[in-house]
Amino acid sequence: MSKHQRPLLSLAQLLALLAVIAALVIALDLNRRARAGQVVGVGEEALQSEVFLESTRQVELRATLTYAESEDYVITYARDEGGYILPGEKRVTPLLVEATPMPTPIAKATPDPAAEARPWQAWWQLLTDAPLSSR
């Protein structure tokens, strides 16, 4: 071995290697941050639509509450559900009349001409498509 051994890497090579390692670390960190940012925005659209639906529902419920607290609702409920009437009015109650059902008429069976036909008449009908004659 010689006294003056040459170093494994020169100063320029060592600086280049450190720059490549630093660039690699920075690139990996940026990639990790980009993926984390994508995950954050994934449910935002669905959440916004859900918030919109719930705000619409809130408006509907407030309108229902306003109507339920109004005097018109009380009057309508009293007449329709409670059965109350105003002085001077008459209550009309429809009566259901149940009718006794009539028996279903039994239809007469139509006679089958083939039952009384002779074998040659059935063959003749099949060959000619003519109706059976009553001979």
N, C-alpha and C. Protein backbone atom coordinates (compact mmCIF):
# COMPACT_ATOMS: atom_id res chain seq x y z
N MET A 1 0.82 -1.17 0.00
CA MET A 1 0.00 0.00 0.00
C MET A 1 0.86 1.23 0.00
N SER A 2 0.34 2.16 -0.68
CA SER A 2 1.12 3.40 -0.77
C SER A 2 0.68 4.34 0.34
N LYS A 3 1.51 5.28 0.60
CA LYS A 3 1.24 6.25 1.65
C LYS A 3 0.06 7.10 1.32
N HIS A 4 0.06 7.52 0.15
CA HIS A 4 -1.04 8.41 -0.26
C HIS A 4 -2.09 7.59 -1.01
N GLN A 5 -3.04 7.12 -0.27
CA GLN A 5 -4.12 6.38 -0.90
C GLN A 5 -5.14 7.38 -1.42
N ARG A 6 -5.59 7.07 -2.58
CA ARG A 6 -6.57 7.95 -3.21
C ARG A 6 -7.93 7.71 -2.55
N PRO A 7 -8.69 8.77 -2.20
CA PRO A 7 -10.00 8.56 -1.56
C PRO A 7 -10.96 7.85 -2.51
N LEU A 8 -11.92 7.18 -1.92
CA LEU A 8 -12.89 6.43 -2.70
C LEU A 8 -13.71 7.35 -3.60
N LEU A 9 -14.15 8.49 -3.07
CA LEU A 9 -14.91 9.48 -3.85
C LEU A 9 -14.21 10.82 -3.76
N SER A 10 -14.24 11.50 -4.85
CA SER A 10 -13.67 12.85 -4.83
C SER A 10 -14.68 13.79 -4.21
N LEU A 11 -14.29 15.00 -3.94
CA LEU A 11 -15.17 15.99 -3.31
C LEU A 11 -16.36 16.29 -4.22
N ALA A 12 -16.15 16.38 -5.50
CA ALA A 12 -17.25 16.66 -6.45
C ALA A 12 -18.23 15.50 -6.48
N GLN A 13 -17.72 14.27 -6.45
CA GLN A 13 -18.60 13.10 -6.46
C GLN A 13 -19.40 13.00 -5.16
N LEU A 14 -18.76 13.33 -4.05
CA LEU A 14 -19.42 13.29 -2.76
C LEU A 14 -20.54 14.32 -2.70
N LEU A 15 -20.28 15.52 -3.21
CA LEU A 15 -21.32 16.56 -3.24
C LEU A 15 -22.47 16.16 -4.16
N ALA A 16 -22.16 15.55 -5.29
CA ALA A 16 -23.20 15.11 -6.22
C ALA A 16 -24.05 14.01 -5.57
N LEU A 17 -23.41 13.06 -4.88
CA LEU A 17 -24.14 11.99 -4.21
C LEU A 17 -25.05 12.56 -3.11
N LEU A 18 -24.58 13.51 -2.34
CA LEU A 18 -25.41 14.15 -1.32
C LEU A 18 -26.58 14.90 -1.94
N ALA A 19 -26.37 15.55 -3.07
CA ALA A 19 -27.43 16.28 -3.76
C ALA A 19 -28.49 15.30 -4.26
N VAL A 20 -28.09 14.14 -4.80
CA VAL A 20 -29.05 13.15 -5.29
C VAL A 20 -29.86 12.58 -4.12
N ILE A 21 -29.22 12.28 -2.99
CA ILE A 21 -29.92 11.76 -1.82
C ILE A 21 -30.91 12.80 -1.28
N ALA A 22 -30.48 14.07 -1.22
CA ALA A 22 -31.37 15.13 -0.74
C ALA A 22 -32.56 15.29 -1.69
N ALA A 23 -32.33 15.23 -2.99
CA ALA A 23 -33.42 15.36 -3.96
C ALA A 23 -34.39 14.19 -3.81
N LEU A 24 -33.87 12.99 -3.59
CA LEU A 24 -34.72 11.83 -3.40
C LEU A 24 -35.57 11.96 -2.14
N VAL A 25 -35.01 12.41 -1.06
CA VAL A 25 -35.75 12.60 0.19
C VAL A 25 -36.83 13.67 0.00
N ILE A 26 -36.49 14.75 -0.67
CA ILE A 26 -37.46 15.83 -0.92
C ILE A 26 -38.59 15.33 -1.81
N ALA A 27 -38.28 14.56 -2.85
CA ALA A 27 -39.31 14.05 -3.76
C ALA A 27 -40.25 13.10 -3.03
N LEU A 28 -39.73 12.23 -2.20
CA LEU A 28 -40.57 11.31 -1.43
C LEU A 28 -41.48 12.06 -0.45
N ASP A 29 -40.96 13.09 0.19
CA ASP A 29 -41.76 13.89 1.11
C ASP A 29 -42.87 14.64 0.37
N LEU A 30 -42.55 15.19 -0.80
CA LEU A 30 -43.57 15.89 -1.58
C LEU A 30 -44.66 14.91 -2.04
N ASN A 31 -44.27 13.70 -2.42
CA ASN A 31 -45.24 12.69 -2.84
C ASN A 31 -46.16 12.32 -1.68
N ARG A 32 -45.58 12.14 -0.48
CA ARG A 32 -46.38 11.83 0.70
C ARG A 32 -47.36 12.94 1.01
N ARG A 33 -46.92 14.17 0.92
CA ARG A 33 -47.81 15.32 1.19
C ARG A 33 -48.91 15.44 0.14
N ALA A 34 -48.58 15.14 -1.12
CA ALA A 34 -49.59 15.21 -2.18
C ALA A 34 -50.68 14.16 -1.95
N ARG A 35 -50.29 12.95 -1.56
CA ARG A 35 -51.28 11.91 -1.28
C ARG A 35 -52.14 12.27 -0.08
N ALA A 36 -51.53 12.85 0.94
CA ALA A 36 -52.30 13.27 2.12
C ALA A 36 -53.30 14.36 1.73
N GLY A 37 -52.92 15.25 0.84
CA GLY A 37 -53.83 16.30 0.38
C GLY A 37 -54.99 15.74 -0.43
N GLN A 38 -54.73 14.69 -1.21
CA GLN A 38 -55.81 14.07 -1.99
C GLN A 38 -56.82 13.39 -1.08
N VAL A 39 -56.35 12.75 -0.03
CA VAL A 39 -57.25 12.05 0.89
C VAL A 39 -58.15 13.05 1.62
N VAL A 40 -57.63 14.22 1.90
CA VAL A 40 -58.41 15.23 2.62
C VAL A 40 -59.60 15.68 1.78
N GLY A 41 -59.44 15.86 0.48
CA GLY A 41 -60.52 16.38 -0.36
C GLY A 41 -61.47 15.35 -0.90
N VAL A 42 -61.27 14.05 -0.58
CA VAL A 42 -62.09 13.00 -1.17
C VAL A 42 -63.55 13.12 -0.77
N GLY A 43 -63.86 13.29 0.49
CA GLY A 43 -65.24 13.31 0.95
C GLY A 43 -65.89 14.67 0.96
N GLU A 44 -65.20 15.67 0.46
CA GLU A 44 -65.71 17.04 0.55
C GLU A 44 -66.98 17.22 -0.27
N GLU A 45 -67.00 16.68 -1.48
CA GLU A 45 -68.17 16.85 -2.34
C GLU A 45 -69.40 16.17 -1.74
N ALA A 46 -69.23 14.95 -1.25
CA ALA A 46 -70.35 14.23 -0.64
C ALA A 46 -70.84 14.96 0.61
N LEU A 47 -69.91 15.49 1.37
CA LEU A 47 -70.28 16.22 2.57
C LEU A 47 -71.03 17.51 2.23
N GLN A 48 -70.62 18.19 1.18
CA GLN A 48 -71.32 19.41 0.78
C GLN A 48 -72.74 19.11 0.32
N SER A 49 -72.92 18.01 -0.43
CA SER A 49 -74.28 17.66 -0.86
C SER A 49 -75.14 17.26 0.33
N GLU A 50 -74.56 16.57 1.30
CA GLU A 50 -75.31 16.20 2.50
C GLU A 50 -75.70 17.44 3.31
N VAL A 51 -74.80 18.41 3.40
CA VAL A 51 -75.11 19.66 4.12
C VAL A 51 -76.23 20.40 3.40
N PHE A 52 -76.21 20.40 2.06
CA PHE A 52 -77.26 21.07 1.30
C PHE A 52 -78.61 20.39 1.54
N LEU A 53 -78.63 19.05 1.52
CA LEU A 53 -79.88 18.33 1.76
C LEU A 53 -80.42 18.61 3.17
N GLU A 54 -79.54 18.62 4.14
CA GLU A 54 -79.98 18.85 5.51
C GLU A 54 -80.45 20.29 5.72
N SER A 55 -79.82 21.24 5.03
CA SER A 55 -80.29 22.63 5.16
C SER A 55 -81.66 22.79 4.50
N THR A 56 -81.89 22.09 3.39
CA THR A 56 -83.22 22.10 2.76
C THR A 56 -84.25 21.48 3.69
N ARG A 57 -83.88 20.37 4.31
CA ARG A 57 -84.78 19.72 5.26
C ARG A 57 -85.08 20.63 6.44
N GLN A 58 -84.08 21.38 6.89
CA GLN A 58 -84.29 22.30 8.00
C GLN A 58 -85.31 23.37 7.63
N VAL A 59 -85.22 23.89 6.40
CA VAL A 59 -86.19 24.90 5.95
C VAL A 59 -87.59 24.30 5.92
N GLU A 60 -87.71 23.05 5.43
CA GLU A 60 -89.02 22.39 5.39
C GLU A 60 -89.58 22.19 6.80
N LEU A 61 -88.71 21.78 7.73
CA LEU A 61 -89.18 21.56 9.09
C LEU A 61 -89.59 22.85 9.77
N ARG A 62 -88.88 23.93 9.48
CA ARG A 62 -89.28 25.22 10.05
C ARG A 62 -90.62 25.67 9.50
N ALA A 63 -90.85 25.44 8.20
CA ALA A 63 -92.15 25.80 7.61
C ALA A 63 -93.26 24.96 8.22
N THR A 64 -92.99 23.67 8.46
CA THR A 64 -93.98 22.80 9.09
C THR A 64 -94.26 23.25 10.52
N LEU A 65 -93.21 23.63 11.23
CA LEU A 65 -93.39 24.11 12.61
C LEU A 65 -94.21 25.39 12.63
N THR A 66 -93.93 26.30 11.70
CA THR A 66 -94.70 27.54 11.64
C THR A 66 -96.17 27.26 11.37
N TYR A 67 -96.46 26.31 10.45
CA TYR A 67 -97.85 25.96 10.15
C TYR A 67 -98.49 25.27 11.35
N ALA A 68 -97.74 24.38 12.03
CA ALA A 68 -98.31 23.64 13.16
C ALA A 68 -98.63 24.57 14.33
N GLU A 69 -97.94 25.68 14.43
CA GLU A 69 -98.21 26.63 15.50
C GLU A 69 -99.28 27.65 15.12
N SER A 70 -99.73 27.63 13.86
CA SER A 70 -100.71 28.63 13.41
C SER A 70 -102.12 28.23 13.81
N GLU A 71 -103.01 29.19 13.77
CA GLU A 71 -104.41 28.96 14.13
C GLU A 71 -105.12 28.15 13.04
N ASP A 72 -104.70 28.30 11.79
CA ASP A 72 -105.30 27.51 10.70
C ASP A 72 -105.11 26.02 10.94
N TYR A 73 -103.93 25.64 11.42
CA TYR A 73 -103.66 24.22 11.67
C TYR A 73 -104.55 23.71 12.80
N VAL A 74 -104.72 24.50 13.84
CA VAL A 74 -105.55 24.08 14.98
C VAL A 74 -106.99 23.88 14.52
N ILE A 75 -107.49 24.80 13.71
CA ILE A 75 -108.88 24.69 13.22
C ILE A 75 -109.02 23.45 12.34
N THR A 76 -108.06 23.23 11.44
CA THR A 76 -108.12 22.08 10.54
C THR A 76 -108.03 20.78 11.34
N TYR A 77 -107.14 20.74 12.31
CA TYR A 77 -107.01 19.53 13.13
C TYR A 77 -108.28 19.27 13.92
N ALA A 78 -108.85 20.32 14.49
CA ALA A 78 -110.06 20.16 15.31
C ALA A 78 -111.21 19.63 14.46
N ARG A 79 -111.35 20.11 13.23
CA ARG A 79 -112.45 19.65 12.37
C ARG A 79 -112.20 18.24 11.85
N ASP A 80 -110.99 17.99 11.31
CA ASP A 80 -110.73 16.72 10.64
C ASP A 80 -110.45 15.58 11.61
N GLU A 81 -109.59 15.81 12.57
CA GLU A 81 -109.15 14.74 13.46
C GLU A 81 -109.97 14.69 14.76
N GLY A 82 -110.27 15.84 15.31
CA GLY A 82 -110.95 15.89 16.60
C GLY A 82 -112.46 15.77 16.50
N GLY A 83 -113.02 16.07 15.35
CA GLY A 83 -114.47 15.96 15.17
C GLY A 83 -115.24 17.13 15.75
N TYR A 84 -114.58 18.25 16.01
CA TYR A 84 -115.26 19.42 16.55
C TYR A 84 -115.93 20.20 15.42
N ILE A 85 -117.04 20.87 15.76
CA ILE A 85 -117.74 21.72 14.80
C ILE A 85 -117.97 23.08 15.43
N LEU A 86 -118.16 24.08 14.57
CA LEU A 86 -118.44 25.44 15.04
C LEU A 86 -119.92 25.55 15.40
N PRO A 87 -120.29 26.50 16.26
CA PRO A 87 -121.70 26.69 16.59
C PRO A 87 -122.50 27.01 15.32
N GLY A 88 -123.65 26.36 15.18
CA GLY A 88 -124.50 26.58 14.03
C GLY A 88 -124.25 25.58 12.90
N GLU A 89 -123.18 24.80 12.98
CA GLU A 89 -122.90 23.79 11.95
C GLU A 89 -123.51 22.46 12.36
N LYS A 90 -123.74 21.61 11.39
CA LYS A 90 -124.27 20.28 11.64
C LYS A 90 -123.24 19.25 11.18
N ARG A 91 -123.08 18.24 11.99
CA ARG A 91 -122.13 17.19 11.63
C ARG A 91 -122.81 16.20 10.69
N VAL A 92 -122.14 15.86 9.61
CA VAL A 92 -122.65 14.87 8.67
C VAL A 92 -121.72 13.67 8.74
N THR A 93 -122.31 12.53 9.07
CA THR A 93 -121.52 11.30 9.16
C THR A 93 -122.05 10.32 8.13
N PRO A 94 -121.23 9.94 7.17
CA PRO A 94 -121.71 8.98 6.16
C PRO A 94 -121.88 7.59 6.79
N LEU A 95 -122.95 6.93 6.40
CA LEU A 95 -123.22 5.59 6.90
C LEU A 95 -122.84 4.59 5.82
N LEU A 96 -122.21 3.52 6.25
CA LEU A 96 -121.86 2.47 5.32
C LEU A 96 -122.97 1.43 5.34
N VAL A 97 -123.54 1.17 4.19
CA VAL A 97 -124.57 0.16 4.08
C VAL A 97 -123.94 -1.05 3.42
N GLU A 98 -123.96 -2.14 4.16
CA GLU A 98 -123.36 -3.36 3.62
C GLU A 98 -124.45 -4.17 2.93
N ALA A 99 -124.25 -4.49 1.68
CA ALA A 99 -125.21 -5.28 0.92
C ALA A 99 -124.79 -6.74 0.99
N THR A 100 -125.79 -7.60 1.02
CA THR A 100 -125.48 -9.03 1.02
C THR A 100 -125.08 -9.42 -0.40
N PRO A 101 -123.99 -10.12 -0.55
CA PRO A 101 -123.55 -10.48 -1.89
C PRO A 101 -124.47 -11.53 -2.51
N MET A 102 -124.72 -11.37 -3.77
CA MET A 102 -125.54 -12.32 -4.51
C MET A 102 -124.66 -13.50 -4.92
N PRO A 103 -125.24 -14.69 -4.96
CA PRO A 103 -124.43 -15.84 -5.38
C PRO A 103 -124.05 -15.71 -6.86
N THR A 104 -122.90 -16.20 -7.16
CA THR A 104 -122.41 -16.13 -8.54
C THR A 104 -123.19 -17.13 -9.38
N PRO A 105 -123.77 -16.65 -10.49
CA PRO A 105 -124.54 -17.59 -11.33
C PRO A 105 -123.59 -18.60 -12.00
N ILE A 106 -124.06 -19.82 -12.06
CA ILE A 106 -123.27 -20.89 -12.68
C ILE A 106 -123.67 -20.97 -14.15
N ALA A 107 -122.70 -20.80 -15.01
CA ALA A 107 -122.97 -20.83 -16.45
C ALA A 107 -123.15 -22.27 -16.91
N LYS A 108 -124.04 -22.46 -17.90
CA LYS A 108 -124.26 -23.78 -18.46
C LYS A 108 -123.06 -24.14 -19.33
N ALA A 109 -122.68 -25.36 -19.25
CA ALA A 109 -121.56 -25.83 -20.06
C ALA A 109 -122.04 -25.99 -21.50
N THR A 110 -121.23 -25.53 -22.42
CA THR A 110 -121.60 -25.69 -23.84
C THR A 110 -121.31 -27.12 -24.25
N PRO A 111 -122.20 -27.71 -25.01
CA PRO A 111 -122.00 -29.11 -25.39
C PRO A 111 -120.81 -29.23 -26.35
N ASP A 112 -120.06 -30.29 -26.19
CA ASP A 112 -118.90 -30.54 -27.04
C ASP A 112 -119.35 -31.42 -28.21
N PRO A 113 -119.31 -30.88 -29.44
CA PRO A 113 -119.78 -31.69 -30.57
C PRO A 113 -118.87 -32.89 -30.82
N ALA A 114 -117.61 -32.83 -30.40
CA ALA A 114 -116.71 -33.94 -30.66
C ALA A 114 -117.05 -35.14 -29.79
N ALA A 115 -117.71 -34.91 -28.66
CA ALA A 115 -118.07 -36.02 -27.78
C ALA A 115 -119.09 -36.94 -28.43
N GLU A 116 -119.98 -36.38 -29.23
CA GLU A 116 -121.01 -37.18 -29.87
C GLU A 116 -120.66 -37.54 -31.31
N ALA A 117 -119.54 -37.11 -31.79
CA ALA A 117 -119.16 -37.37 -33.18
C ALA A 117 -118.61 -38.78 -33.33
N ARG A 118 -118.75 -39.30 -34.53
CA ARG A 118 -118.19 -40.60 -34.85
C ARG A 118 -116.74 -40.38 -35.30
N PRO A 119 -115.91 -41.38 -35.21
CA PRO A 119 -114.50 -41.21 -35.57
C PRO A 119 -114.29 -40.67 -36.99
N TRP A 120 -115.07 -41.12 -37.97
CA TRP A 120 -114.88 -40.65 -39.33
C TRP A 120 -115.21 -39.17 -39.45
N GLN A 121 -116.16 -38.66 -38.60
CA GLN A 121 -116.50 -37.24 -38.64
C GLN A 121 -115.34 -36.40 -38.08
N ALA A 122 -114.69 -36.88 -37.04
CA ALA A 122 -113.55 -36.15 -36.50
C ALA A 122 -112.42 -36.07 -37.51
N TRP A 123 -112.14 -37.21 -38.21
CA TRP A 123 -111.10 -37.19 -39.24
C TRP A 123 -111.49 -36.26 -40.38
N TRP A 124 -112.77 -36.28 -40.76
CA TRP A 124 -113.23 -35.42 -41.85
C TRP A 124 -113.07 -33.94 -41.47
N GLN A 125 -113.36 -33.59 -40.23
CA GLN A 125 -113.20 -32.20 -39.77
C GLN A 125 -111.73 -31.81 -39.80
N LEU A 126 -110.84 -32.71 -39.38
CA LEU A 126 -109.41 -32.39 -39.40
C LEU A 126 -108.91 -32.19 -40.83
N LEU A 127 -109.40 -32.96 -41.77
CA LEU A 127 -108.93 -32.86 -43.15
C LEU A 127 -109.49 -31.64 -43.87
N THR A 128 -110.70 -31.27 -43.57
CA THR A 128 -111.36 -30.19 -44.33
C THR A 128 -111.49 -28.89 -43.56
N ASP A 129 -111.24 -28.87 -42.28
CA ASP A 129 -111.46 -27.70 -41.41
C ASP A 129 -112.90 -27.22 -41.46
N ALA A 130 -113.80 -28.12 -41.76
CA ALA A 130 -115.21 -27.78 -41.81
C ALA A 130 -115.84 -28.10 -40.47
N PRO A 131 -116.86 -27.32 -40.04
CA PRO A 131 -117.52 -27.63 -38.79
C PRO A 131 -118.27 -28.96 -38.91
N LEU A 132 -118.46 -29.58 -37.76
CA LEU A 132 -119.17 -30.87 -37.76
C LEU A 132 -120.62 -30.66 -38.17
N SER A 133 -121.09 -31.52 -39.00
CA SER A 133 -122.50 -31.44 -39.40
C SER A 133 -123.31 -32.27 -38.43
N SER A 134 -124.50 -31.89 -38.23
CA SER A 134 -125.35 -32.60 -37.28
C SER A 134 -126.17 -33.63 -38.04
N ARG A 135 -125.60 -34.76 -38.42
CA ARG A 135 -126.32 -35.81 -39.14
C ARG A 135 -126.73 -36.89 -38.21
